[in-house]
């Protein structure tokens, strides 16, 4: 059984596209299709359904997939046992991440990653929407929301501390709130889905329903609106630390921290052995974001 054919099949199971899977392994569409045909001929079963737009695994293909993954994992372990595993990770790594975090923190550190792994290419897709990893053919998803899919594994990369912020201009016009209850008299800039703000107080957790005339689904837009004086907003420190240092924003209600278990997570499918390129990416960025985290240490 040809190992390269197995690699292509496993990649095809994720991308659901022969052309894309072949491209990531340096194969033309015709050669990639031929490899799958040879694998099917050797097994005597059809592994994939083919259509003009995409492919999907047959029942036999789904049954064969975990065994193919186990074979590839065993090959990697065998190579590593004799030192061959020290070969630099290679291929294309497809990563999806929240747009703001990706632009502000993944991209600036990327040059060091690419220099360390010259045989790797990175395909970043930034979106504030939760994208289906398997459907999109991604190796890793960076997320700042709790993991709900039991078929995925999450590794914590960094804290995601959240605070209330407003511009000095806004506070000069409307006075600074002294307690969470005072927010009822203020304009709050809301992020879609996060209208209820929970605070830790001496009397226990207190939840305030934030009200205001501006609501957005983009964290950067919310932050920038607060910089412009539109009101008070909840922001991750990784998003606003530069604005706090410059004085464009001021933290409010410091004595009433938000109750939050948010973090930045690297998520990958649990059904496959952790590929060397995936491990390399996660280890690299975990080191970049190791405590003391750079966006918090000067605040």
C-alpha atoms as a PDB file:
ATOM      1  CA  UNK A   1       0.000   0.000   0.000  1.00  0.00           C
ATOM      2  CA  UNK A   2       1.515   3.323  -1.114  1.00  0.00           C
ATOM      3  CA  UNK A   3       2.057   5.808   1.741  1.00  0.00           C
ATOM      4  CA  UNK A   4       1.689   8.787  -0.602  1.00  0.00           C
ATOM      5  CA  UNK A   5      -1.705   7.480  -1.689  1.00  0.00           C
ATOM      6  CA  UNK A   6      -2.757   7.269   1.954  1.00  0.00           C
ATOM      7  CA  UNK A   7      -1.578  10.834   2.611  1.00  0.00           C
ATOM      8  CA  UNK A   8      -3.654  12.051  -0.303  1.00  0.00           C
ATOM      9  CA  UNK A   9      -6.715  10.114   0.840  1.00  0.00           C
ATOM     10  CA  UNK A  10      -6.514  11.505   4.391  1.00  0.00           C
ATOM     11  CA  UNK A  11      -6.115  15.033   3.059  1.00  0.00           C
ATOM     12  CA  UNK A  12      -8.993  14.462   0.641  1.00  0.00           C
ATOM     13  CA  UNK A  13     -11.222  13.432   3.552  1.00  0.00           C
ATOM     14  CA  UNK A  14     -10.681  16.896   5.049  1.00  0.00           C
ATOM     15  CA  UNK A  15     -10.763  19.122   1.958  1.00  0.00           C
ATOM     16  CA  UNK A  16     -13.453  17.162   0.064  1.00  0.00           C
ATOM     17  CA  UNK A  17     -11.744  18.397  -3.088  1.00  0.00           C
ATOM     18  CA  UNK A  18      -9.280  16.329  -5.120  1.00  0.00           C
ATOM     19  CA  UNK A  19      -7.692  19.377  -6.762  1.00  0.00           C
ATOM     20  CA  UNK A  20      -7.062  21.116  -3.433  1.00  0.00           C
ATOM     21  CA  UNK A  21      -5.801  17.971  -1.700  1.00  0.00           C
ATOM     22  CA  UNK A  22      -3.473  17.257  -4.605  1.00  0.00           C
ATOM     23  CA  UNK A  23      -2.216  20.839  -4.707  1.00  0.00           C
ATOM     24  CA  UNK A  24      -1.284  20.717  -1.021  1.00  0.00           C
ATOM     25  CA  UNK A  25       0.806  17.620  -1.712  1.00  0.00           C
ATOM     26  CA  UNK A  26       2.352  18.963  -4.915  1.00  0.00           C
ATOM     27  CA  UNK A  27       0.246  16.858  -7.284  1.00  0.00           C
ATOM     28  CA  UNK A  28      -1.693  17.863 -10.370  1.00  0.00           C
ATOM     29  CA  UNK A  29      -5.450  17.115 -10.401  1.00  0.00           C
ATOM     30  CA  UNK A  30      -4.913  14.314 -12.903  1.00  0.00           C
ATOM     31  CA  UNK A  31      -2.167  12.647 -10.850  1.00  0.00           C
ATOM     32  CA  UNK A  32      -4.154  13.068  -7.625  1.00  0.00           C
ATOM     33  CA  UNK A  33      -7.181  11.416  -9.224  1.00  0.00           C
ATOM     34  CA  UNK A  34      -4.977   8.591 -10.512  1.00  0.00           C
ATOM     35  CA  UNK A  35      -3.555   7.997  -7.031  1.00  0.00           C
ATOM     36  CA  UNK A  36      -7.040   7.670  -5.535  1.00  0.00           C
ATOM     37  CA  UNK A  37      -8.020   5.269  -8.332  1.00  0.00           C
ATOM     38  CA  UNK A  38      -4.966   3.116  -7.593  1.00  0.00           C
ATOM     39  CA  UNK A  39      -5.750   3.081  -3.885  1.00  0.00           C
ATOM     40  CA  UNK A  40      -9.323   2.000  -4.609  1.00  0.00           C
ATOM     41  CA  UNK A  41      -8.153  -0.652  -7.085  1.00  0.00           C
ATOM     42  CA  UNK A  42      -5.703  -2.037  -4.544  1.00  0.00           C
ATOM     43  CA  UNK A  43      -8.406  -2.291  -1.877  1.00  0.00           C
ATOM     44  CA  UNK A  44     -11.087  -3.466  -4.250  1.00  0.00           C
ATOM     45  CA  UNK A  45     -13.644  -0.934  -2.983  1.00  0.00           C
ATOM     46  CA  UNK A  46     -14.814   2.553  -3.847  1.00  0.00           C
ATOM     47  CA  UNK A  47     -13.615   5.013  -1.197  1.00  0.00           C
ATOM     48  CA  UNK A  48     -15.073   8.277  -2.488  1.00  0.00           C
ATOM     49  CA  UNK A  49     -18.161   9.587  -4.251  1.00  0.00           C
ATOM     50  CA  UNK A  50     -17.141  12.000  -7.004  1.00  0.00           C
ATOM     51  CA  UNK A  51     -19.215  14.922  -8.276  1.00  0.00           C
ATOM     52  CA  UNK A  52     -18.267  17.909 -10.417  1.00  0.00           C
ATOM     53  CA  UNK A  53     -18.040  20.160  -7.310  1.00  0.00           C
ATOM     54  CA  UNK A  54     -16.627  18.001  -4.523  1.00  0.00           C
ATOM     55  CA  UNK A  55     -16.043  14.478  -3.294  1.00  0.00           C
ATOM     56  CA  UNK A  56     -17.297  12.727  -0.179  1.00  0.00           C
ATOM     57  CA  UNK A  57     -16.326   9.483   1.482  1.00  0.00           C
ATOM     58  CA  UNK A  58     -18.338   6.342   0.880  1.00  0.00           C
ATOM     59  CA  UNK A  59     -19.296   4.097   3.785  1.00  0.00           C
ATOM     60  CA  UNK A  60     -16.179   2.055   3.030  1.00  0.00           C
ATOM     61  CA  UNK A  61     -14.104   5.227   2.863  1.00  0.00           C
ATOM     62  CA  UNK A  62     -15.322   6.358   6.285  1.00  0.00           C
ATOM     63  CA  UNK A  63     -14.471   2.933   7.713  1.00  0.00           C
ATOM     64  CA  UNK A  64     -11.020   2.985   6.110  1.00  0.00           C
ATOM     65  CA  UNK A  65     -10.108   6.550   7.170  1.00  0.00           C
ATOM     66  CA  UNK A  66      -9.080   5.914  10.814  1.00  0.00           C
ATOM     67  CA  UNK A  67      -6.929   2.970   9.713  1.00  0.00           C
ATOM     68  CA  UNK A  68      -5.200   5.122   7.091  1.00  0.00           C
ATOM     69  CA  UNK A  69      -4.560   7.769   9.764  1.00  0.00           C
ATOM     70  CA  UNK A  70      -3.140   5.128  12.106  1.00  0.00           C
ATOM     71  CA  UNK A  71      -0.780   3.868   9.386  1.00  0.00           C
ATOM     72  CA  UNK A  72       0.505   7.397   8.718  1.00  0.00           C
ATOM     73  CA  UNK A  73       0.926   8.027  12.455  1.00  0.00           C
ATOM     74  CA  UNK A  74       2.911   4.775  12.759  1.00  0.00           C
ATOM     75  CA  UNK A  75       5.126   5.797   9.859  1.00  0.00           C
ATOM     76  CA  UNK A  76       5.813   9.165  11.515  1.00  0.00           C
ATOM     77  CA  UNK A  77       6.642   7.412  14.797  1.00  0.00           C
ATOM     78  CA  UNK A  78       8.970   4.982  13.007  1.00  0.00           C
ATOM     79  CA  UNK A  79      10.774   7.826  11.250  1.00  0.00           C
ATOM     80  CA  UNK A  80      11.110   9.732  14.497  1.00  0.00           C
ATOM     81  CA  UNK A  81      12.598   6.683  16.270  1.00  0.00           C
ATOM     82  CA  UNK A  82      15.605   6.725  13.918  1.00  0.00           C
ATOM     83  CA  UNK A  83      15.949  10.481  13.744  1.00  0.00           C
ATOM     84  CA  UNK A  84      14.045  10.933  10.486  1.00  0.00           C
ATOM     85  CA  UNK A  85      11.334  12.725  12.408  1.00  0.00           C
ATOM     86  CA  UNK A  86      13.680  15.668  12.769  1.00  0.00           C
ATOM     87  CA  UNK A  87      12.922  16.656   9.184  1.00  0.00           C
ATOM     88  CA  UNK A  88      11.273  20.062   9.107  1.00  0.00           C
ATOM     89  CA  UNK A  89       7.452  20.052   8.790  1.00  0.00           C
ATOM     90  CA  UNK A  90       6.361  20.725   5.230  1.00  0.00           C
ATOM     91  CA  UNK A  91       3.285  21.383   3.119  1.00  0.00           C
ATOM     92  CA  UNK A  92       0.486  23.914   3.465  1.00  0.00           C
ATOM     93  CA  UNK A  93      -1.048  24.710   6.836  1.00  0.00           C
ATOM     94  CA  UNK A  94      -4.593  26.097   6.612  1.00  0.00           C
ATOM     95  CA  UNK A  95      -5.611  28.221   9.603  1.00  0.00           C
ATOM     96  CA  UNK A  96      -8.821  30.110  10.325  1.00  0.00           C
ATOM     97  CA  UNK A  97      -8.888  32.770  13.053  1.00  0.00           C
ATOM     98  CA  UNK A  98     -10.930  35.746  14.298  1.00  0.00           C
ATOM     99  CA  UNK A  99     -10.176  38.687  12.017  1.00  0.00           C
ATOM    100  CA  UNK A 100      -9.004  41.162  14.663  1.00  0.00           C
ATOM    101  CA  UNK A 101      -6.835  38.731  16.613  1.00  0.00           C
ATOM    102  CA  UNK A 102      -5.359  37.309  13.430  1.00  0.00           C
ATOM    103  CA  UNK A 103      -4.314  40.675  12.044  1.00  0.00           C
ATOM    104  CA  UNK A 104      -3.066  42.063  15.359  1.00  0.00           C
ATOM    105  CA  UNK A 105      -1.217  39.059  16.794  1.00  0.00           C
ATOM    106  CA  UNK A 106      -0.855  36.109  14.403  1.00  0.00           C
ATOM    107  CA  UNK A 107       0.434  37.987  11.369  1.00  0.00           C
ATOM    108  CA  UNK A 108       3.106  40.083  13.174  1.00  0.00           C
ATOM    109  CA  UNK A 109       4.679  36.896  14.584  1.00  0.00           C
ATOM    110  CA  UNK A 110       4.385  34.908  11.357  1.00  0.00           C
ATOM    111  CA  UNK A 111       7.787  35.829   9.919  1.00  0.00           C
ATOM    112  CA  UNK A 112       9.564  34.039  12.760  1.00  0.00           C
ATOM    113  CA  UNK A 113       7.452  30.925  12.190  1.00  0.00           C
ATOM    114  CA  UNK A 114       8.138  30.844   8.452  1.00  0.00           C
ATOM    115  CA  UNK A 115      11.859  31.385   9.014  1.00  0.00           C
ATOM    116  CA  UNK A 116      11.931  28.489  11.456  1.00  0.00           C
ATOM    117  CA  UNK A 117      10.061  26.173   9.069  1.00  0.00           C
ATOM    118  CA  UNK A 118      11.147  27.026   5.512  1.00  0.00           C
ATOM    119  CA  UNK A 119       9.291  24.062   3.979  1.00  0.00           C
ATOM    120  CA  UNK A 120       5.912  25.196   5.333  1.00  0.00           C
ATOM    121  CA  UNK A 121       3.392  27.529   3.717  1.00  0.00           C
ATOM    122  CA  UNK A 122       0.528  29.116   5.666  1.00  0.00           C
ATOM    123  CA  UNK A 123      -2.944  29.843   4.306  1.00  0.00           C
ATOM    124  CA  UNK A 124      -4.683  32.226   6.749  1.00  0.00           C
ATOM    125  CA  UNK A 125      -8.434  32.830   6.546  1.00  0.00           C
ATOM    126  CA  UNK A 126      -9.660  35.560   8.900  1.00  0.00           C
ATOM    127  CA  UNK A 127     -13.334  35.778   9.820  1.00  0.00           C
ATOM    128  CA  UNK A 128     -15.348  36.694  12.907  1.00  0.00           C
ATOM    129  CA  UNK A 129     -17.807  33.912  12.059  1.00  0.00           C
ATOM    130  CA  UNK A 130     -17.298  30.392  13.417  1.00  0.00           C
ATOM    131  CA  UNK A 131     -16.246  28.337  10.403  1.00  0.00           C
ATOM    132  CA  UNK A 132     -16.710  24.571  10.196  1.00  0.00           C
ATOM    133  CA  UNK A 133     -13.153  23.230  10.218  1.00  0.00           C
ATOM    134  CA  UNK A 134     -13.803  19.983   8.393  1.00  0.00           C
ATOM    135  CA  UNK A 135     -16.102  21.573   5.826  1.00  0.00           C
ATOM    136  CA  UNK A 136     -13.517  24.283   5.157  1.00  0.00           C
ATOM    137  CA  UNK A 137     -10.563  21.904   5.093  1.00  0.00           C
ATOM    138  CA  UNK A 138      -8.698  23.680   7.904  1.00  0.00           C
ATOM    139  CA  UNK A 139      -5.925  22.161   9.970  1.00  0.00           C
ATOM    140  CA  UNK A 140      -6.310  24.600  12.883  1.00  0.00           C
ATOM    141  CA  UNK A 141      -8.923  27.072  14.077  1.00  0.00           C
ATOM    142  CA  UNK A 142      -8.043  29.872  16.501  1.00  0.00           C
ATOM    143  CA  UNK A 143     -11.092  30.620  18.634  1.00  0.00           C
ATOM    144  CA  UNK A 144     -12.015  32.746  21.621  1.00  0.00           C
ATOM    145  CA  UNK A 145     -15.274  30.958  22.415  1.00  0.00           C
ATOM    146  CA  UNK A 146     -15.897  27.820  24.482  1.00  0.00           C
ATOM    147  CA  UNK A 147     -15.428  24.536  22.638  1.00  0.00           C
ATOM    148  CA  UNK A 148     -18.795  22.858  21.955  1.00  0.00           C
ATOM    149  CA  UNK A 149     -17.841  20.260  19.336  1.00  0.00           C
ATOM    150  CA  UNK A 150     -16.744  17.025  21.036  1.00  0.00           C
ATOM    151  CA  UNK A 151     -14.908  15.893  17.892  1.00  0.00           C
ATOM    152  CA  UNK A 152     -12.354  18.683  18.327  1.00  0.00           C
ATOM    153  CA  UNK A 153      -9.410  19.118  20.678  1.00  0.00           C
ATOM    154  CA  UNK A 154      -8.549  22.551  22.094  1.00  0.00           C
ATOM    155  CA  UNK A 155      -5.232  23.781  23.464  1.00  0.00           C
ATOM    156  CA  UNK A 156      -5.185  27.052  25.381  1.00  0.00           C
ATOM    157  CA  UNK A 157      -2.828  29.533  23.717  1.00  0.00           C
ATOM    158  CA  UNK A 158      -3.365  32.727  25.687  1.00  0.00           C
ATOM    159  CA  UNK A 159      -5.629  34.508  28.178  1.00  0.00           C
ATOM    160  CA  UNK A 160      -8.428  36.707  26.880  1.00  0.00           C
ATOM    161  CA  UNK A 161      -8.951  39.216  29.702  1.00  0.00           C
ATOM    162  CA  UNK A 162     -11.840  41.599  29.078  1.00  0.00           C
ATOM    163  CA  UNK A 163     -12.326  45.069  30.524  1.00  0.00           C
ATOM    164  CA  UNK A 164     -14.640  48.079  30.149  1.00  0.00           C
ATOM    165  CA  UNK A 165     -13.262  51.041  28.205  1.00  0.00           C
ATOM    166  CA  UNK A 166     -14.298  54.534  27.172  1.00  0.00           C
ATOM    167  CA  UNK A 167     -12.578  57.572  25.700  1.00  0.00           C
ATOM    168  CA  UNK A 168     -11.454  60.435  27.988  1.00  0.00           C
ATOM    169  CA  UNK A 169     -13.731  62.681  25.901  1.00  0.00           C
ATOM    170  CA  UNK A 170     -16.794  60.572  26.642  1.00  0.00           C
ATOM    171  CA  UNK A 171     -16.011  60.410  30.364  1.00  0.00           C
ATOM    172  CA  UNK A 172     -15.488  64.188  30.505  1.00  0.00           C
ATOM    173  CA  UNK A 173     -18.971  64.700  29.034  1.00  0.00           C
ATOM    174  CA  UNK A 174     -20.915  62.091  30.982  1.00  0.00           C
ATOM    175  CA  UNK A 175     -18.835  61.396  34.111  1.00  0.00           C
ATOM    176  CA  UNK A 176     -17.249  58.074  34.913  1.00  0.00           C
ATOM    177  CA  UNK A 177     -19.521  55.297  36.265  1.00  0.00           C
ATOM    178  CA  UNK A 178     -18.649  54.281  39.826  1.00  0.00           C
ATOM    179  CA  UNK A 179     -20.631  51.029  40.038  1.00  0.00           C
ATOM    180  CA  UNK A 180     -22.120  48.602  37.494  1.00  0.00           C
ATOM    181  CA  UNK A 181     -25.582  50.030  38.263  1.00  0.00           C
ATOM    182  CA  UNK A 182     -24.414  53.420  36.920  1.00  0.00           C
ATOM    183  CA  UNK A 183     -24.196  51.933  33.424  1.00  0.00           C
ATOM    184  CA  UNK A 184     -27.966  52.387  33.166  1.00  0.00           C
ATOM    185  CA  UNK A 185     -27.229  56.092  32.639  1.00  0.00           C
ATOM    186  CA  UNK A 186     -24.560  55.562  29.993  1.00  0.00           C
ATOM    187  CA  UNK A 187     -24.359  54.724  26.304  1.00  0.00           C
ATOM    188  CA  UNK A 188     -22.996  51.203  25.896  1.00  0.00           C
ATOM    189  CA  UNK A 189     -21.487  50.001  22.629  1.00  0.00           C
ATOM    190  CA  UNK A 190     -22.553  46.378  22.315  1.00  0.00           C
ATOM    191  CA  UNK A 191     -20.939  43.456  20.559  1.00  0.00           C
ATOM    192  CA  UNK A 192     -23.598  41.187  19.060  1.00  0.00           C
ATOM    193  CA  UNK A 193     -24.333  38.322  21.430  1.00  0.00           C
ATOM    194  CA  UNK A 194     -22.671  39.977  24.441  1.00  0.00           C
ATOM    195  CA  UNK A 195     -25.388  42.283  25.743  1.00  0.00           C
ATOM    196  CA  UNK A 196     -25.294  40.962  29.313  1.00  0.00           C
ATOM    197  CA  UNK A 197     -22.229  42.050  31.282  1.00  0.00           C
ATOM    198  CA  UNK A 198     -21.514  40.136  34.513  1.00  0.00           C
ATOM    199  CA  UNK A 199     -19.397  41.814  37.199  1.00  0.00           C
ATOM    200  CA  UNK A 200     -17.718  40.503  40.309  1.00  0.00           C
ATOM    201  CA  UNK A 201     -18.788  42.620  43.314  1.00  0.00           C
ATOM    202  CA  UNK A 202     -18.393  42.354  47.097  1.00  0.00           C
ATOM    203  CA  UNK A 203     -21.992  41.099  47.175  1.00  0.00           C
ATOM    204  CA  UNK A 204     -21.418  38.461  44.516  1.00  0.00           C
ATOM    205  CA  UNK A 205     -21.886  38.419  40.715  1.00  0.00           C
ATOM    206  CA  UNK A 206     -24.076  41.166  39.281  1.00  0.00           C
ATOM    207  CA  UNK A 207     -25.381  41.114  35.711  1.00  0.00           C
ATOM    208  CA  UNK A 208     -26.160  44.319  33.824  1.00  0.00           C
ATOM    209  CA  UNK A 209     -27.990  44.387  30.503  1.00  0.00           C
ATOM    210  CA  UNK A 210     -26.004  46.892  28.491  1.00  0.00           C
ATOM    211  CA  UNK A 211     -28.127  49.296  26.454  1.00  0.00           C
ATOM    212  CA  UNK A 212     -27.109  51.789  23.815  1.00  0.00           C
ATOM    213  CA  UNK A 213     -27.772  52.976  20.306  1.00  0.00           C
ATOM    214  CA  UNK A 214     -24.832  51.182  18.672  1.00  0.00           C
ATOM    215  CA  UNK A 215     -24.418  47.441  18.206  1.00  0.00           C
ATOM    216  CA  UNK A 216     -21.901  45.682  15.958  1.00  0.00           C
ATOM    217  CA  UNK A 217     -20.612  42.204  15.195  1.00  0.00           C
ATOM    218  CA  UNK A 218     -16.991  43.340  14.875  1.00  0.00           C
ATOM    219  CA  UNK A 219     -14.677  43.856  17.847  1.00  0.00           C
ATOM    220  CA  UNK A 220     -12.471  46.418  16.104  1.00  0.00           C
ATOM    221  CA  UNK A 221     -15.505  48.484  15.095  1.00  0.00           C
ATOM    222  CA  UNK A 222     -16.739  48.425  18.684  1.00  0.00           C
ATOM    223  CA  UNK A 223     -13.336  49.503  19.998  1.00  0.00           C
ATOM    224  CA  UNK A 224     -12.963  52.255  17.406  1.00  0.00           C
ATOM    225  CA  UNK A 225     -16.446  53.544  18.176  1.00  0.00           C
ATOM    226  CA  UNK A 226     -15.442  53.881  21.827  1.00  0.00           C
ATOM    227  CA  UNK A 227     -12.247  55.697  20.827  1.00  0.00           C
ATOM    228  CA  UNK A 228     -14.454  58.113  18.869  1.00  0.00           C
ATOM    229  CA  UNK A 229     -16.527  58.819  21.986  1.00  0.00           C
ATOM    230  CA  UNK A 230     -19.609  56.713  21.214  1.00  0.00           C
ATOM    231  CA  UNK A 231     -19.768  55.128  24.660  1.00  0.00           C
ATOM    232  CA  UNK A 232     -18.505  52.367  26.961  1.00  0.00           C
ATOM    233  CA  UNK A 233     -17.651  48.937  25.597  1.00  0.00           C
ATOM    234  CA  UNK A 234     -16.272  45.580  26.710  1.00  0.00           C
ATOM    235  CA  UNK A 235     -12.968  44.830  25.004  1.00  0.00           C
ATOM    236  CA  UNK A 236     -10.273  42.183  25.150  1.00  0.00           C
ATOM    237  CA  UNK A 237      -6.994  43.621  26.418  1.00  0.00           C
ATOM    238  CA  UNK A 238      -5.243  42.164  23.355  1.00  0.00           C
ATOM    239  CA  UNK A 239      -7.446  44.466  21.253  1.00  0.00           C
ATOM    240  CA  UNK A 240      -7.152  47.713  23.250  1.00  0.00           C
ATOM    241  CA  UNK A 241      -3.773  47.610  25.001  1.00  0.00           C
ATOM    242  CA  UNK A 242      -2.189  50.037  22.537  1.00  0.00           C
ATOM    243  CA  UNK A 243      -5.110  52.458  22.886  1.00  0.00           C
ATOM    244  CA  UNK A 244      -4.855  52.286  26.675  1.00  0.00           C
ATOM    245  CA  UNK A 245      -1.129  53.001  26.549  1.00  0.00           C
ATOM    246  CA  UNK A 246      -1.653  55.965  24.210  1.00  0.00           C
ATOM    247  CA  UNK A 247      -4.474  57.387  26.339  1.00  0.00           C
ATOM    248  CA  UNK A 248      -7.096  57.087  23.600  1.00  0.00           C
ATOM    249  CA  UNK A 249      -9.052  54.791  25.906  1.00  0.00           C
ATOM    250  CA  UNK A 250      -9.399  54.587  29.681  1.00  0.00           C
ATOM    251  CA  UNK A 251     -10.384  51.527  31.699  1.00  0.00           C
ATOM    252  CA  UNK A 252     -13.520  52.059  33.770  1.00  0.00           C
ATOM    253  CA  UNK A 253     -14.974  50.153  36.724  1.00  0.00           C
ATOM    254  CA  UNK A 254     -11.566  48.696  37.635  1.00  0.00           C
ATOM    255  CA  UNK A 255     -12.900  47.680  41.054  1.00  0.00           C
ATOM    256  CA  UNK A 256     -15.611  45.549  39.430  1.00  0.00           C
ATOM    257  CA  UNK A 257     -13.881  43.040  37.125  1.00  0.00           C
ATOM    258  CA  UNK A 258     -15.917  41.216  34.538  1.00  0.00           C
ATOM    259  CA  UNK A 259     -16.681  37.577  35.230  1.00  0.00           C
ATOM    260  CA  UNK A 260     -15.272  35.731  32.238  1.00  0.00           C
ATOM    261  CA  UNK A 261     -13.540  32.457  31.447  1.00  0.00           C
ATOM    262  CA  UNK A 262     -12.582  33.543  27.933  1.00  0.00           C
ATOM    263  CA  UNK A 263      -9.297  32.420  26.409  1.00  0.00           C
ATOM    264  CA  UNK A 264      -7.641  32.082  23.029  1.00  0.00           C
ATOM    265  CA  UNK A 265      -7.711  28.458  21.902  1.00  0.00           C
ATOM    266  CA  UNK A 266      -6.036  26.495  19.118  1.00  0.00           C
ATOM    267  CA  UNK A 267      -8.537  23.891  17.949  1.00  0.00           C
ATOM    268  CA  UNK A 268      -7.922  20.869  15.740  1.00  0.00           C
ATOM    269  CA  UNK A 269      -9.825  17.679  14.838  1.00  0.00           C
ATOM    270  CA  UNK A 270      -9.444  14.810  17.275  1.00  0.00           C
ATOM    271  CA  UNK A 271      -9.930  12.164  14.620  1.00  0.00           C
ATOM    272  CA  UNK A 272      -6.418  12.507  13.253  1.00  0.00           C
ATOM    273  CA  UNK A 273      -2.931  12.101  14.680  1.00  0.00           C
ATOM    274  CA  UNK A 274      -1.558  15.564  15.393  1.00  0.00           C
ATOM    275  CA  UNK A 275       0.408  16.402  12.247  1.00  0.00           C
ATOM    276  CA  UNK A 276       3.944  17.797  12.694  1.00  0.00           C
ATOM    277  CA  UNK A 277       2.969  21.062  10.980  1.00  0.00           C
ATOM    278  CA  UNK A 278       0.009  21.505  13.327  1.00  0.00           C
ATOM    279  CA  UNK A 279       2.146  20.793  16.392  1.00  0.00           C
ATOM    280  CA  UNK A 280       4.814  23.204  15.138  1.00  0.00           C
ATOM    281  CA  UNK A 281       2.288  26.036  14.701  1.00  0.00           C
ATOM    282  CA  UNK A 282       0.652  25.528  18.097  1.00  0.00           C
ATOM    283  CA  UNK A 283       3.966  25.223  19.965  1.00  0.00           C
ATOM    284  CA  UNK A 284       5.352  28.317  18.257  1.00  0.00           C
ATOM    285  CA  UNK A 285       2.402  30.566  19.053  1.00  0.00           C
ATOM    286  CA  UNK A 286       2.028  29.162  22.574  1.00  0.00           C
ATOM    287  CA  UNK A 287       5.605  30.334  23.150  1.00  0.00           C
ATOM    288  CA  UNK A 288       4.824  33.734  21.594  1.00  0.00           C
ATOM    289  CA  UNK A 289       1.913  34.200  23.990  1.00  0.00           C
ATOM    290  CA  UNK A 290       3.599  32.703  27.064  1.00  0.00           C
ATOM    291  CA  UNK A 291       3.188  34.583  30.374  1.00  0.00           C
ATOM    292  CA  UNK A 292       3.750  37.365  31.059  1.00  0.00           C
ATOM    293  CA  UNK A 293       1.629  38.109  28.010  1.00  0.00           C
ATOM    294  CA  UNK A 294       2.958  41.163  26.191  1.00  0.00           C
ATOM    295  CA  UNK A 295      -0.412  42.885  25.742  1.00  0.00           C
ATOM    296  CA  UNK A 296      -1.115  42.793  29.482  1.00  0.00           C
ATOM    297  CA  UNK A 297       2.250  43.233  31.170  1.00  0.00           C
ATOM    298  CA  UNK A 298       2.457  47.029  30.739  1.00  0.00           C
ATOM    299  CA  UNK A 299      -1.149  47.790  31.675  1.00  0.00           C
END
